[in-house]
Amino acid sequence: MKIKTFTPVLVALLALTSCSSGSDLAITNVDAQSFLSKIEDKTVTVVDVRTAQEYQEGHLANALNINVESPDFASAIANLDKTKEYALYCRSGRRSTVAANEMAKAGFTLITNYNKGGFTDLANLGVATSK
């Protein structure tokens, strides 16, 4: 009798876990200090996913600008090396989260997402910026 009850529960649990996306494993969400530590590694490519106007008003030094809200976002990330590591930021963490999810769906496997703040917070911590 116990086996009959246990079997449907086990099947349901297996079905739920098989539906989860592997993209979650590609993304590491971090706070400002962890993000700053990550971008000290010069092999990590920093990507500002804000608009070109926001980027021109100020951005982290050496950051690429790929606007996540642009219709060209998918083609822009298609030109990136999926085996490299990327660190994403925006103004508040919302757009970088959208971009991280899109990149993970596209096959990127090493994504650090600063989702606990944005550019202004990083600049206030003294990270090098450019205009």
N, C-alpha and C. Protein backbone atom coordinates (compact mmCIF):
# COMPACT_ATOMS: atom_id res chain seq x y z
N MET A 1 0.82 -1.20 0.00
CA MET A 1 0.00 0.00 0.00
C MET A 1 0.87 1.27 0.00
N LYS A 2 1.96 1.27 0.76
CA LYS A 2 2.84 2.43 0.83
C LYS A 2 3.53 2.68 -0.51
N ILE A 3 3.87 1.63 -1.24
CA ILE A 3 4.55 1.78 -2.52
C ILE A 3 3.62 2.46 -3.53
N LYS A 4 2.32 2.13 -3.50
CA LYS A 4 1.37 2.75 -4.41
C LYS A 4 1.26 4.25 -4.17
N THR A 5 1.37 4.69 -2.94
CA THR A 5 1.29 6.10 -2.60
C THR A 5 2.60 6.80 -2.94
N PHE A 6 3.70 6.15 -2.70
CA PHE A 6 5.02 6.75 -2.91
C PHE A 6 5.34 6.93 -4.40
N THR A 7 4.94 6.01 -5.24
CA THR A 7 5.28 6.05 -6.66
C THR A 7 4.76 7.30 -7.35
N PRO A 8 3.49 7.71 -7.20
CA PRO A 8 3.03 8.93 -7.87
C PRO A 8 3.76 10.18 -7.37
N VAL A 9 4.10 10.22 -6.10
CA VAL A 9 4.84 11.36 -5.56
C VAL A 9 6.22 11.43 -6.19
N LEU A 10 6.90 10.31 -6.30
CA LEU A 10 8.22 10.25 -6.91
C LEU A 10 8.17 10.67 -8.37
N VAL A 11 7.19 10.20 -9.09
CA VAL A 11 7.03 10.56 -10.51
C VAL A 11 6.80 12.07 -10.63
N ALA A 12 5.98 12.64 -9.79
CA ALA A 12 5.71 14.08 -9.83
C ALA A 12 6.97 14.89 -9.54
N LEU A 13 7.75 14.48 -8.57
CA LEU A 13 8.99 15.18 -8.25
C LEU A 13 9.98 15.11 -9.40
N LEU A 14 10.11 13.97 -10.02
CA LEU A 14 11.01 13.83 -11.16
C LEU A 14 10.56 14.70 -12.33
N ALA A 15 9.27 14.77 -12.55
CA ALA A 15 8.74 15.60 -13.64
C ALA A 15 9.03 17.07 -13.38
N LEU A 16 8.87 17.52 -12.16
CA LEU A 16 9.13 18.92 -11.82
C LEU A 16 10.60 19.27 -11.99
N THR A 17 11.49 18.41 -11.54
CA THR A 17 12.91 18.72 -11.65
C THR A 17 13.40 18.64 -13.08
N SER A 18 12.81 17.84 -13.90
CA SER A 18 13.24 17.75 -15.30
C SER A 18 12.79 18.97 -16.09
N CYS A 19 11.83 19.72 -15.58
CA CYS A 19 11.34 20.91 -16.28
C CYS A 19 12.21 22.13 -15.99
N SER A 20 13.09 22.05 -15.01
CA SER A 20 13.91 23.21 -14.69
C SER A 20 14.95 23.41 -15.78
N SER A 21 15.27 24.66 -16.00
CA SER A 21 16.19 25.03 -17.07
C SER A 21 17.62 24.98 -16.58
N GLY A 22 18.51 24.53 -17.43
CA GLY A 22 19.93 24.53 -17.12
C GLY A 22 20.50 25.93 -17.15
N SER A 23 19.73 26.91 -17.69
CA SER A 23 20.23 28.28 -17.78
C SER A 23 20.48 28.89 -16.41
N ASP A 24 19.75 28.43 -15.38
CA ASP A 24 19.96 28.94 -14.04
C ASP A 24 21.38 28.66 -13.56
N LEU A 25 21.96 27.57 -14.01
CA LEU A 25 23.30 27.19 -13.60
C LEU A 25 24.36 28.08 -14.25
N ALA A 26 24.04 28.72 -15.36
CA ALA A 26 24.98 29.55 -16.09
C ALA A 26 25.12 30.93 -15.45
N ILE A 27 24.16 31.34 -14.64
CA ILE A 27 24.10 32.70 -14.10
C ILE A 27 24.41 32.70 -12.61
N THR A 28 25.34 33.59 -12.22
CA THR A 28 25.62 33.82 -10.81
C THR A 28 25.21 35.25 -10.50
N ASN A 29 24.18 35.43 -9.68
CA ASN A 29 23.73 36.76 -9.27
C ASN A 29 24.56 37.22 -8.08
N VAL A 30 25.07 38.46 -8.14
CA VAL A 30 25.99 38.93 -7.11
C VAL A 30 25.67 40.34 -6.65
N ASP A 31 26.25 40.71 -5.52
CA ASP A 31 26.16 42.06 -5.00
C ASP A 31 27.35 42.87 -5.54
N ALA A 32 27.42 44.14 -5.15
CA ALA A 32 28.44 45.04 -5.70
C ALA A 32 29.86 44.56 -5.41
N GLN A 33 30.15 44.18 -4.18
CA GLN A 33 31.51 43.77 -3.84
C GLN A 33 31.94 42.53 -4.62
N SER A 34 31.05 41.58 -4.76
CA SER A 34 31.37 40.37 -5.53
C SER A 34 31.56 40.70 -7.00
N PHE A 35 30.75 41.62 -7.52
CA PHE A 35 30.88 42.04 -8.91
C PHE A 35 32.24 42.70 -9.14
N LEU A 36 32.62 43.60 -8.23
CA LEU A 36 33.91 44.28 -8.36
C LEU A 36 35.07 43.30 -8.30
N SER A 37 34.97 42.31 -7.43
CA SER A 37 36.01 41.28 -7.37
C SER A 37 36.08 40.51 -8.68
N LYS A 38 34.93 40.19 -9.24
CA LYS A 38 34.87 39.42 -10.49
C LYS A 38 35.52 40.19 -11.62
N ILE A 39 35.24 41.49 -11.75
CA ILE A 39 35.74 42.23 -12.90
C ILE A 39 37.22 42.62 -12.76
N GLU A 40 37.82 42.34 -11.62
CA GLU A 40 39.27 42.50 -11.50
C GLU A 40 40.00 41.50 -12.39
N ASP A 41 39.35 40.38 -12.66
CA ASP A 41 39.90 39.36 -13.55
C ASP A 41 39.78 39.89 -14.98
N LYS A 42 40.90 40.16 -15.60
CA LYS A 42 40.90 40.78 -16.93
C LYS A 42 40.43 39.84 -18.04
N THR A 43 40.21 38.56 -17.72
CA THR A 43 39.65 37.65 -18.73
C THR A 43 38.13 37.75 -18.79
N VAL A 44 37.54 38.42 -17.81
CA VAL A 44 36.08 38.60 -17.77
C VAL A 44 35.71 39.83 -18.60
N THR A 45 34.76 39.67 -19.50
CA THR A 45 34.29 40.78 -20.33
C THR A 45 33.11 41.44 -19.63
N VAL A 46 33.24 42.74 -19.37
CA VAL A 46 32.19 43.51 -18.71
C VAL A 46 31.24 44.05 -19.77
N VAL A 47 29.94 43.83 -19.55
CA VAL A 47 28.92 44.26 -20.52
C VAL A 47 27.90 45.15 -19.82
N ASP A 48 27.78 46.37 -20.33
CA ASP A 48 26.76 47.33 -19.89
C ASP A 48 25.56 47.12 -20.80
N VAL A 49 24.44 46.72 -20.25
CA VAL A 49 23.27 46.40 -21.08
C VAL A 49 22.25 47.54 -21.15
N ARG A 50 22.67 48.74 -20.74
CA ARG A 50 21.80 49.91 -20.80
C ARG A 50 21.77 50.48 -22.22
N THR A 51 21.00 51.53 -22.42
CA THR A 51 20.90 52.18 -23.73
C THR A 51 22.22 52.88 -24.07
N ALA A 52 22.40 53.18 -25.34
CA ALA A 52 23.61 53.90 -25.79
C ALA A 52 23.70 55.26 -25.11
N GLN A 53 22.57 55.93 -24.93
CA GLN A 53 22.58 57.24 -24.26
C GLN A 53 23.06 57.11 -22.82
N GLU A 54 22.54 56.13 -22.08
CA GLU A 54 22.98 55.92 -20.70
C GLU A 54 24.48 55.60 -20.67
N TYR A 55 24.91 54.76 -21.60
CA TYR A 55 26.32 54.38 -21.69
C TYR A 55 27.20 55.60 -21.92
N GLN A 56 26.79 56.50 -22.81
CA GLN A 56 27.55 57.70 -23.12
C GLN A 56 27.62 58.66 -21.94
N GLU A 57 26.63 58.61 -21.07
CA GLU A 57 26.62 59.48 -19.89
C GLU A 57 27.60 59.00 -18.83
N GLY A 58 28.04 57.77 -18.94
CA GLY A 58 29.01 57.20 -18.01
C GLY A 58 28.86 55.70 -17.94
N HIS A 59 29.99 55.00 -17.92
CA HIS A 59 29.99 53.54 -17.87
C HIS A 59 31.28 53.06 -17.22
N LEU A 60 31.30 51.80 -16.86
CA LEU A 60 32.53 51.23 -16.31
C LEU A 60 33.59 51.21 -17.40
N ALA A 61 34.82 51.51 -17.01
CA ALA A 61 35.92 51.52 -17.97
C ALA A 61 36.02 50.16 -18.66
N ASN A 62 36.23 50.19 -19.96
CA ASN A 62 36.40 48.98 -20.78
C ASN A 62 35.15 48.13 -20.94
N ALA A 63 33.99 48.64 -20.56
CA ALA A 63 32.75 47.86 -20.72
C ALA A 63 32.25 47.95 -22.15
N LEU A 64 31.76 46.84 -22.66
CA LEU A 64 31.05 46.82 -23.94
C LEU A 64 29.64 47.32 -23.69
N ASN A 65 29.04 47.93 -24.68
CA ASN A 65 27.64 48.33 -24.56
C ASN A 65 26.80 47.51 -25.52
N ILE A 66 25.94 46.67 -24.95
CA ILE A 66 24.99 45.89 -25.75
C ILE A 66 23.63 46.09 -25.10
N ASN A 67 22.82 46.94 -25.71
CA ASN A 67 21.51 47.31 -25.17
C ASN A 67 20.55 46.12 -25.22
N VAL A 68 20.17 45.63 -24.05
CA VAL A 68 19.28 44.47 -23.98
C VAL A 68 17.89 44.76 -24.55
N GLU A 69 17.50 46.03 -24.58
CA GLU A 69 16.17 46.37 -25.08
C GLU A 69 16.17 46.67 -26.58
N SER A 70 17.34 46.53 -27.20
CA SER A 70 17.44 46.75 -28.64
C SER A 70 16.95 45.51 -29.39
N PRO A 71 16.31 45.71 -30.54
CA PRO A 71 15.91 44.54 -31.33
C PRO A 71 17.13 43.75 -31.84
N ASP A 72 18.31 44.36 -31.80
CA ASP A 72 19.53 43.72 -32.27
C ASP A 72 20.27 42.96 -31.17
N PHE A 73 19.71 42.87 -29.97
CA PHE A 73 20.42 42.23 -28.86
C PHE A 73 20.84 40.80 -29.18
N ALA A 74 19.93 40.01 -29.71
CA ALA A 74 20.25 38.60 -30.00
C ALA A 74 21.38 38.49 -31.00
N SER A 75 21.36 39.31 -32.04
CA SER A 75 22.44 39.23 -33.03
C SER A 75 23.75 39.77 -32.46
N ALA A 76 23.67 40.76 -31.58
CA ALA A 76 24.89 41.30 -30.96
C ALA A 76 25.57 40.25 -30.07
N ILE A 77 24.78 39.54 -29.27
CA ILE A 77 25.41 38.53 -28.41
C ILE A 77 25.85 37.30 -29.20
N ALA A 78 25.25 37.11 -30.37
CA ALA A 78 25.65 35.98 -31.22
C ALA A 78 27.10 36.13 -31.69
N ASN A 79 27.60 37.36 -31.69
CA ASN A 79 28.97 37.63 -32.09
C ASN A 79 29.98 37.42 -30.97
N LEU A 80 29.50 37.16 -29.76
CA LEU A 80 30.39 36.96 -28.62
C LEU A 80 30.78 35.48 -28.50
N ASP A 81 31.90 35.25 -27.88
CA ASP A 81 32.40 33.89 -27.63
C ASP A 81 31.64 33.29 -26.44
N LYS A 82 30.88 32.26 -26.67
CA LYS A 82 30.05 31.65 -25.63
C LYS A 82 30.88 30.94 -24.56
N THR A 83 32.14 30.69 -24.82
CA THR A 83 32.98 30.00 -23.83
C THR A 83 33.66 30.97 -22.87
N LYS A 84 33.58 32.26 -23.15
CA LYS A 84 34.19 33.27 -22.28
C LYS A 84 33.25 33.62 -21.13
N GLU A 85 33.80 34.34 -20.15
CA GLU A 85 33.00 34.75 -19.00
C GLU A 85 32.59 36.21 -19.15
N TYR A 86 31.34 36.51 -18.79
CA TYR A 86 30.78 37.84 -18.93
C TYR A 86 30.21 38.32 -17.60
N ALA A 87 30.41 39.62 -17.31
CA ALA A 87 29.86 40.26 -16.12
C ALA A 87 28.93 41.37 -16.58
N LEU A 88 27.66 41.28 -16.24
CA LEU A 88 26.64 42.20 -16.74
C LEU A 88 26.17 43.17 -15.66
N TYR A 89 25.90 44.41 -16.09
CA TYR A 89 25.30 45.39 -15.18
C TYR A 89 24.41 46.32 -15.98
N CYS A 90 23.54 47.03 -15.26
CA CYS A 90 22.66 48.04 -15.87
C CYS A 90 22.47 49.16 -14.85
N ARG A 91 21.30 49.75 -14.80
CA ARG A 91 21.05 50.84 -13.84
C ARG A 91 20.56 50.32 -12.50
N SER A 92 19.77 49.24 -12.53
CA SER A 92 19.15 48.77 -11.29
C SER A 92 19.24 47.26 -11.06
N GLY A 93 19.59 46.52 -12.09
CA GLY A 93 19.62 45.07 -11.98
C GLY A 93 18.53 44.36 -12.77
N ARG A 94 17.50 45.08 -13.16
CA ARG A 94 16.40 44.46 -13.91
C ARG A 94 16.84 44.07 -15.32
N ARG A 95 17.41 45.01 -16.05
CA ARG A 95 17.80 44.72 -17.43
C ARG A 95 18.96 43.73 -17.50
N SER A 96 19.88 43.80 -16.54
CA SER A 96 20.99 42.84 -16.57
C SER A 96 20.46 41.43 -16.32
N THR A 97 19.42 41.30 -15.53
CA THR A 97 18.81 39.99 -15.29
C THR A 97 18.14 39.47 -16.57
N VAL A 98 17.45 40.35 -17.28
CA VAL A 98 16.85 39.97 -18.56
C VAL A 98 17.95 39.53 -19.52
N ALA A 99 19.02 40.31 -19.61
CA ALA A 99 20.13 39.99 -20.51
C ALA A 99 20.80 38.68 -20.12
N ALA A 100 21.02 38.47 -18.83
CA ALA A 100 21.65 37.23 -18.37
C ALA A 100 20.81 36.02 -18.77
N ASN A 101 19.52 36.12 -18.59
CA ASN A 101 18.63 35.02 -18.97
C ASN A 101 18.66 34.76 -20.47
N GLU A 102 18.66 35.82 -21.27
CA GLU A 102 18.72 35.67 -22.73
C GLU A 102 20.05 35.05 -23.15
N MET A 103 21.13 35.48 -22.52
CA MET A 103 22.44 34.92 -22.86
C MET A 103 22.52 33.45 -22.47
N ALA A 104 21.97 33.10 -21.33
CA ALA A 104 21.97 31.69 -20.90
C ALA A 104 21.16 30.84 -21.89
N LYS A 105 20.02 31.35 -22.32
CA LYS A 105 19.21 30.62 -23.30
C LYS A 105 19.96 30.45 -24.62
N ALA A 106 20.84 31.41 -24.93
CA ALA A 106 21.61 31.36 -26.18
C ALA A 106 22.84 30.46 -26.06
N GLY A 107 23.08 29.92 -24.87
CA GLY A 107 24.18 28.97 -24.72
C GLY A 107 25.40 29.47 -23.97
N PHE A 108 25.36 30.69 -23.44
CA PHE A 108 26.47 31.18 -22.63
C PHE A 108 26.43 30.46 -21.28
N THR A 109 27.59 30.13 -20.77
CA THR A 109 27.62 29.31 -19.55
C THR A 109 28.29 29.99 -18.36
N LEU A 110 28.96 31.12 -18.57
CA LEU A 110 29.66 31.81 -17.48
C LEU A 110 29.22 33.27 -17.42
N ILE A 111 28.14 33.50 -16.68
CA ILE A 111 27.55 34.84 -16.60
C ILE A 111 27.46 35.27 -15.15
N THR A 112 28.08 36.42 -14.86
CA THR A 112 27.93 37.05 -13.54
C THR A 112 27.00 38.23 -13.72
N ASN A 113 25.94 38.27 -12.94
CA ASN A 113 24.91 39.30 -13.07
C ASN A 113 24.86 40.14 -11.80
N TYR A 114 25.16 41.43 -11.94
CA TYR A 114 25.04 42.36 -10.81
C TYR A 114 23.58 42.80 -10.75
N ASN A 115 22.80 42.14 -9.91
CA ASN A 115 21.36 42.41 -9.85
C ASN A 115 20.93 43.05 -8.54
N LYS A 116 21.89 43.51 -7.76
CA LYS A 116 21.55 44.11 -6.46
C LYS A 116 21.81 45.62 -6.47
N GLY A 117 21.76 46.23 -7.63
CA GLY A 117 22.03 47.65 -7.79
C GLY A 117 22.43 47.92 -9.22
N GLY A 118 23.11 49.04 -9.44
CA GLY A 118 23.47 49.37 -10.80
C GLY A 118 24.70 50.22 -10.92
N PHE A 119 24.83 50.86 -12.08
CA PHE A 119 26.02 51.62 -12.41
C PHE A 119 26.35 52.67 -11.35
N THR A 120 25.38 53.46 -10.92
CA THR A 120 25.64 54.52 -9.95
C THR A 120 26.22 53.96 -8.65
N ASP A 121 25.70 52.83 -8.20
CA ASP A 121 26.22 52.20 -6.99
C ASP A 121 27.68 51.80 -7.17
N LEU A 122 27.99 51.24 -8.33
CA LEU A 122 29.38 50.83 -8.60
C LEU A 122 30.29 52.05 -8.68
N ALA A 123 29.84 53.10 -9.36
CA ALA A 123 30.64 54.33 -9.47
C ALA A 123 30.88 54.94 -8.09
N ASN A 124 29.87 54.90 -7.23
CA ASN A 124 30.03 55.45 -5.87
C ASN A 124 31.01 54.65 -5.03
N LEU A 125 31.26 53.41 -5.41
CA LEU A 125 32.24 52.59 -4.70
C LEU A 125 33.66 52.84 -5.21
N GLY A 126 33.79 53.69 -6.23
CA GLY A 126 35.11 54.07 -6.70
C GLY A 126 35.66 53.28 -7.88
N VAL A 127 34.84 52.46 -8.50
CA VAL A 127 35.31 51.71 -9.68
C VAL A 127 35.60 52.71 -10.81
N ALA A 128 36.58 52.39 -11.63
CA ALA A 128 36.96 53.26 -12.75
C ALA A 128 35.81 53.36 -13.75
N THR A 129 35.49 54.60 -14.13
CA THR A 129 34.42 54.84 -15.10
C THR A 129 34.94 55.69 -16.25
N SER A 130 34.19 55.71 -17.32
CA SER A 130 34.53 56.52 -18.50
C SER A 130 33.28 57.21 -19.01
N LYS A 131 33.49 58.25 -19.79
CA LYS A 131 32.38 58.92 -20.47
C LYS A 131 32.65 58.96 -21.94
